């Protein structure tokens, strides 16, 4: 098949969706191991690219500390974009 003979499949672009921020506030200070476990669990959660937003955010409050975790599916980010996100 020649390149000119190929028909591109249409891409479905979804309407803009708000990003949900999951807030975890146990009302007590968490040990570092507990925070690490929470972050690990969320980092391992798969994306269902048919229905889920391709960016997730979780805010963990522990005593006076706050941790923000942002998980992004690799199809919507690249190294340059991630560098900008980290710097910002």
C-alpha atoms as a PDB file:
ATOM      1  CA  UNK A   1       0.000   0.000   0.000  1.00  0.00           C
ATOM      2  CA  UNK A   2       1.345   3.398  -0.921  1.00  0.00           C
ATOM      3  CA  UNK A   3       1.425   6.190   1.615  1.00  0.00           C
ATOM      4  CA  UNK A   4      -1.022   8.253  -0.494  1.00  0.00           C
ATOM      5  CA  UNK A   5      -3.506   5.358  -0.401  1.00  0.00           C
ATOM      6  CA  UNK A   6      -3.782   5.374   3.386  1.00  0.00           C
ATOM      7  CA  UNK A   7      -6.759   7.040   4.953  1.00  0.00           C
ATOM      8  CA  UNK A   8      -6.127   8.589   8.327  1.00  0.00           C
ATOM      9  CA  UNK A   9      -8.448   7.516  11.098  1.00  0.00           C
ATOM     10  CA  UNK A  10     -10.409  10.436  12.566  1.00  0.00           C
ATOM     11  CA  UNK A  11      -9.326  11.518  16.038  1.00  0.00           C
ATOM     12  CA  UNK A  12     -11.927  12.252  18.644  1.00  0.00           C
ATOM     13  CA  UNK A  13     -11.077  15.334  20.674  1.00  0.00           C
ATOM     14  CA  UNK A  14     -13.035  15.598  23.894  1.00  0.00           C
ATOM     15  CA  UNK A  15     -14.301  18.805  25.341  1.00  0.00           C
ATOM     16  CA  UNK A  16     -12.203  20.424  28.023  1.00  0.00           C
ATOM     17  CA  UNK A  17     -12.664  18.786  31.411  1.00  0.00           C
ATOM     18  CA  UNK A  18     -11.735  20.197  34.789  1.00  0.00           C
ATOM     19  CA  UNK A  19      -8.916  18.480  36.657  1.00  0.00           C
ATOM     20  CA  UNK A  20     -10.091  16.857  39.868  1.00  0.00           C
ATOM     21  CA  UNK A  21      -7.840  17.473  42.850  1.00  0.00           C
ATOM     22  CA  UNK A  22      -8.024  14.605  45.313  1.00  0.00           C
ATOM     23  CA  UNK A  23      -7.284  15.910  48.811  1.00  0.00           C
ATOM     24  CA  UNK A  24      -6.099  13.479  51.472  1.00  0.00           C
ATOM     25  CA  UNK A  25      -6.144  14.958  54.954  1.00  0.00           C
ATOM     26  CA  UNK A  26      -6.160  12.301  57.669  1.00  0.00           C
ATOM     27  CA  UNK A  27      -6.295  14.953  60.403  1.00  0.00           C
ATOM     28  CA  UNK A  28      -3.020  13.751  61.879  1.00  0.00           C
ATOM     29  CA  UNK A  29       0.627  13.838  60.867  1.00  0.00           C
ATOM     30  CA  UNK A  30       1.593  10.919  58.641  1.00  0.00           C
ATOM     31  CA  UNK A  31       4.876   9.080  58.857  1.00  0.00           C
ATOM     32  CA  UNK A  32       7.133   9.453  55.831  1.00  0.00           C
ATOM     33  CA  UNK A  33       6.533   5.780  54.998  1.00  0.00           C
ATOM     34  CA  UNK A  34       2.757   6.382  54.940  1.00  0.00           C
ATOM     35  CA  UNK A  35       3.143   9.335  52.575  1.00  0.00           C
ATOM     36  CA  UNK A  36       5.480   7.326  50.358  1.00  0.00           C
ATOM     37  CA  UNK A  37       2.955   4.457  50.264  1.00  0.00           C
ATOM     38  CA  UNK A  38       0.098   6.828  49.314  1.00  0.00           C
ATOM     39  CA  UNK A  39       2.192   8.390  46.553  1.00  0.00           C
ATOM     40  CA  UNK A  40       3.223   4.971  45.270  1.00  0.00           C
ATOM     41  CA  UNK A  41      -0.375   3.716  45.173  1.00  0.00           C
ATOM     42  CA  UNK A  42      -1.507   6.720  43.141  1.00  0.00           C
ATOM     43  CA  UNK A  43       1.484   6.591  40.812  1.00  0.00           C
ATOM     44  CA  UNK A  44       0.660   2.960  39.987  1.00  0.00           C
ATOM     45  CA  UNK A  45      -3.009   3.632  39.192  1.00  0.00           C
ATOM     46  CA  UNK A  46      -3.553   2.968  35.478  1.00  0.00           C
ATOM     47  CA  UNK A  47      -5.177   5.515  33.198  1.00  0.00           C
ATOM     48  CA  UNK A  48      -8.234   4.456  31.213  1.00  0.00           C
ATOM     49  CA  UNK A  49      -7.554   6.713  28.253  1.00  0.00           C
ATOM     50  CA  UNK A  50     -11.089   6.206  26.928  1.00  0.00           C
ATOM     51  CA  UNK A  51     -12.733   7.867  29.928  1.00  0.00           C
ATOM     52  CA  UNK A  52     -10.208   9.257  32.432  1.00  0.00           C
ATOM     53  CA  UNK A  53      -8.541  12.651  32.321  1.00  0.00           C
ATOM     54  CA  UNK A  54      -4.925  12.125  31.333  1.00  0.00           C
ATOM     55  CA  UNK A  55      -3.693  14.216  34.254  1.00  0.00           C
ATOM     56  CA  UNK A  56      -4.395  13.486  37.915  1.00  0.00           C
ATOM     57  CA  UNK A  57      -3.521  15.543  40.967  1.00  0.00           C
ATOM     58  CA  UNK A  58      -3.443  14.509  44.618  1.00  0.00           C
ATOM     59  CA  UNK A  59      -2.803  16.804  47.576  1.00  0.00           C
ATOM     60  CA  UNK A  60      -1.706  15.134  50.805  1.00  0.00           C
ATOM     61  CA  UNK A  61      -1.872  17.173  54.011  1.00  0.00           C
ATOM     62  CA  UNK A  62       0.111  15.821  56.919  1.00  0.00           C
ATOM     63  CA  UNK A  63       0.433  17.989  59.979  1.00  0.00           C
ATOM     64  CA  UNK A  64       2.016  21.212  58.706  1.00  0.00           C
ATOM     65  CA  UNK A  65       3.356  19.593  55.520  1.00  0.00           C
ATOM     66  CA  UNK A  66       1.659  19.479  52.117  1.00  0.00           C
ATOM     67  CA  UNK A  67       2.635  17.206  49.226  1.00  0.00           C
ATOM     68  CA  UNK A  68       1.287  17.638  45.690  1.00  0.00           C
ATOM     69  CA  UNK A  69       1.507  14.697  43.316  1.00  0.00           C
ATOM     70  CA  UNK A  70       0.760  15.191  39.623  1.00  0.00           C
ATOM     71  CA  UNK A  71       0.459  12.109  37.420  1.00  0.00           C
ATOM     72  CA  UNK A  72       0.423  12.634  33.663  1.00  0.00           C
ATOM     73  CA  UNK A  73      -0.099   9.999  30.982  1.00  0.00           C
ATOM     74  CA  UNK A  74       2.878   9.849  28.633  1.00  0.00           C
ATOM     75  CA  UNK A  75       0.749  10.479  25.524  1.00  0.00           C
ATOM     76  CA  UNK A  76      -0.008  14.044  26.657  1.00  0.00           C
ATOM     77  CA  UNK A  77       3.422  15.151  27.815  1.00  0.00           C
ATOM     78  CA  UNK A  78       7.008  15.277  26.681  1.00  0.00           C
ATOM     79  CA  UNK A  79      10.326  16.040  28.364  1.00  0.00           C
ATOM     80  CA  UNK A  80      10.183  19.742  27.507  1.00  0.00           C
ATOM     81  CA  UNK A  81       6.656  20.104  28.962  1.00  0.00           C
ATOM     82  CA  UNK A  82       7.572  18.199  32.125  1.00  0.00           C
ATOM     83  CA  UNK A  83      10.617  20.434  32.596  1.00  0.00           C
ATOM     84  CA  UNK A  84       8.363  23.502  32.415  1.00  0.00           C
ATOM     85  CA  UNK A  85       5.953  21.933  34.908  1.00  0.00           C
ATOM     86  CA  UNK A  86       8.754  21.159  37.385  1.00  0.00           C
ATOM     87  CA  UNK A  87      10.222  24.659  37.098  1.00  0.00           C
ATOM     88  CA  UNK A  88       6.845  26.318  37.599  1.00  0.00           C
END
